[in-house]
């Protein structure tokens, strides 16, 4: 959470890209942990539960990143736009006066 908040305050930082890079890293980590869990199929129940705990934690962080990304995108599109610049009224010229 802190990484995302700080990224939003650093000028020129694309918060969306920071979120996506962190998300990619967590998905890769989750895939490695899943493969390791499958390779150790005969592990004791305590280790299996610990493995599931970490997978669920990673899943929760990925979901949070997805939610944060969506909310930040909506905040940009929903932010109030400055009112349009009012142009001065022009007087109509109607030719010569009678």
Protein backbone atom coordinates (compact mmCIF):
# COMPACT_ATOMS: atom_id res chain seq x y z
CA UNK A 1 0.00 0.00 0.00
CA UNK A 2 2.77 2.40 0.90
CA UNK A 3 4.55 1.81 -2.39
CA UNK A 4 1.42 2.77 -4.34
CA UNK A 5 0.77 5.86 -2.23
CA UNK A 6 4.34 7.07 -2.58
CA UNK A 7 4.38 6.41 -6.32
CA UNK A 8 1.33 8.65 -6.65
CA UNK A 9 3.24 11.51 -5.08
CA UNK A 10 6.41 11.30 -7.17
CA UNK A 11 6.12 13.58 -10.20
CA UNK A 12 6.38 11.74 -13.49
CA UNK A 13 5.69 8.31 -11.97
CA UNK A 14 3.10 6.17 -13.73
CA UNK A 15 1.25 4.64 -10.77
CA UNK A 16 -0.53 2.21 -13.11
CA UNK A 17 2.84 0.85 -14.26
CA UNK A 18 4.08 0.54 -10.67
CA UNK A 19 0.96 -1.46 -9.79
CA UNK A 20 1.28 -3.69 -12.84
CA UNK A 21 4.98 -4.38 -12.22
CA UNK A 22 4.26 -5.33 -8.62
CA UNK A 23 1.29 -7.45 -9.73
CA UNK A 24 3.42 -9.33 -12.30
CA UNK A 25 6.02 -10.05 -9.63
CA UNK A 26 3.40 -11.43 -7.23
CA UNK A 27 1.77 -13.59 -9.92
CA UNK A 28 5.18 -15.10 -10.77
CA UNK A 29 5.85 -15.71 -7.09
CA UNK A 30 2.45 -17.34 -6.72
CA UNK A 31 3.12 -19.61 -9.70
CA UNK A 32 6.50 -20.68 -8.26
CA UNK A 33 4.93 -21.41 -4.87
CA UNK A 34 2.12 -23.40 -6.52
CA UNK A 35 4.64 -25.51 -8.46
CA UNK A 36 6.70 -26.08 -5.31
CA UNK A 37 3.57 -27.13 -3.42
CA UNK A 38 2.65 -29.58 -6.19
CA UNK A 39 6.19 -31.00 -6.22
CA UNK A 40 5.99 -31.58 -2.46
CA UNK A 41 2.62 -33.32 -2.64
CA UNK A 42 3.51 -35.70 0.21
CA UNK A 43 4.49 -32.96 2.65
CA UNK A 44 3.17 -32.92 6.17
CA UNK A 45 -0.19 -31.18 6.83
CA UNK A 46 1.44 -28.29 8.71
CA UNK A 47 3.66 -27.37 5.78
CA UNK A 48 0.76 -27.77 3.37
CA UNK A 49 -1.34 -25.37 5.43
CA UNK A 50 1.53 -22.87 5.61
CA UNK A 51 1.87 -23.10 1.84
CA UNK A 52 -1.84 -22.42 1.36
CA UNK A 53 -1.61 -19.49 3.77
CA UNK A 54 1.05 -17.84 1.62
CA UNK A 55 -0.87 -18.52 -1.60
CA UNK A 56 -4.02 -16.95 -0.15
CA UNK A 57 -2.01 -13.96 1.08
CA UNK A 58 -0.52 -13.42 -2.37
CA UNK A 59 -3.96 -13.75 -3.93
CA UNK A 60 -5.35 -11.13 -1.54
CA UNK A 61 -2.56 -8.67 -2.37
CA UNK A 62 -3.10 -9.20 -6.12
CA UNK A 63 -6.83 -8.55 -5.69
CA UNK A 64 -6.06 -5.41 -3.69
CA UNK A 65 -3.72 -4.18 -6.45
CA UNK A 66 -6.44 -4.79 -9.05
CA UNK A 67 -8.94 -2.86 -6.95
CA UNK A 68 -6.50 0.00 -6.33
CA UNK A 69 -5.68 0.23 -10.03
CA UNK A 70 -9.35 0.36 -11.00
CA UNK A 71 -10.18 2.97 -8.37
CA UNK A 72 -7.25 5.16 -9.39
CA UNK A 73 -8.27 4.95 -13.05
CA UNK A 74 -11.86 5.89 -12.14
CA UNK A 75 -10.63 8.76 -9.97
CA UNK A 76 -8.83 10.22 -12.98
CA UNK A 77 -11.87 9.94 -15.26
CA UNK A 78 -14.34 11.04 -12.56
CA UNK A 79 -12.30 14.00 -11.34
CA UNK A 80 -14.04 17.30 -11.92
CA UNK A 81 -12.85 18.95 -15.05
CA UNK A 82 -12.17 22.67 -15.01
CA UNK A 83 -15.08 24.64 -16.44
CA UNK A 84 -14.67 25.61 -20.07
CA UNK A 85 -13.21 29.02 -20.62
CA UNK A 86 -16.01 31.48 -21.27
CA UNK A 87 -15.50 33.32 -24.49
CA UNK A 88 -16.41 36.98 -24.55
CA UNK A 89 -19.72 37.73 -26.22
CA UNK A 90 -19.34 39.30 -29.58
CA UNK A 91 -21.70 41.99 -30.74
CA UNK A 92 -23.40 41.30 -33.98
CA UNK A 93 -22.91 43.82 -36.68
CA UNK A 94 -25.91 44.17 -38.89
CA UNK A 95 -24.60 46.39 -41.60
CA UNK A 96 -25.49 50.09 -41.73
CA UNK A 97 -27.99 51.84 -39.47
CA UNK A 98 -31.08 53.26 -40.98
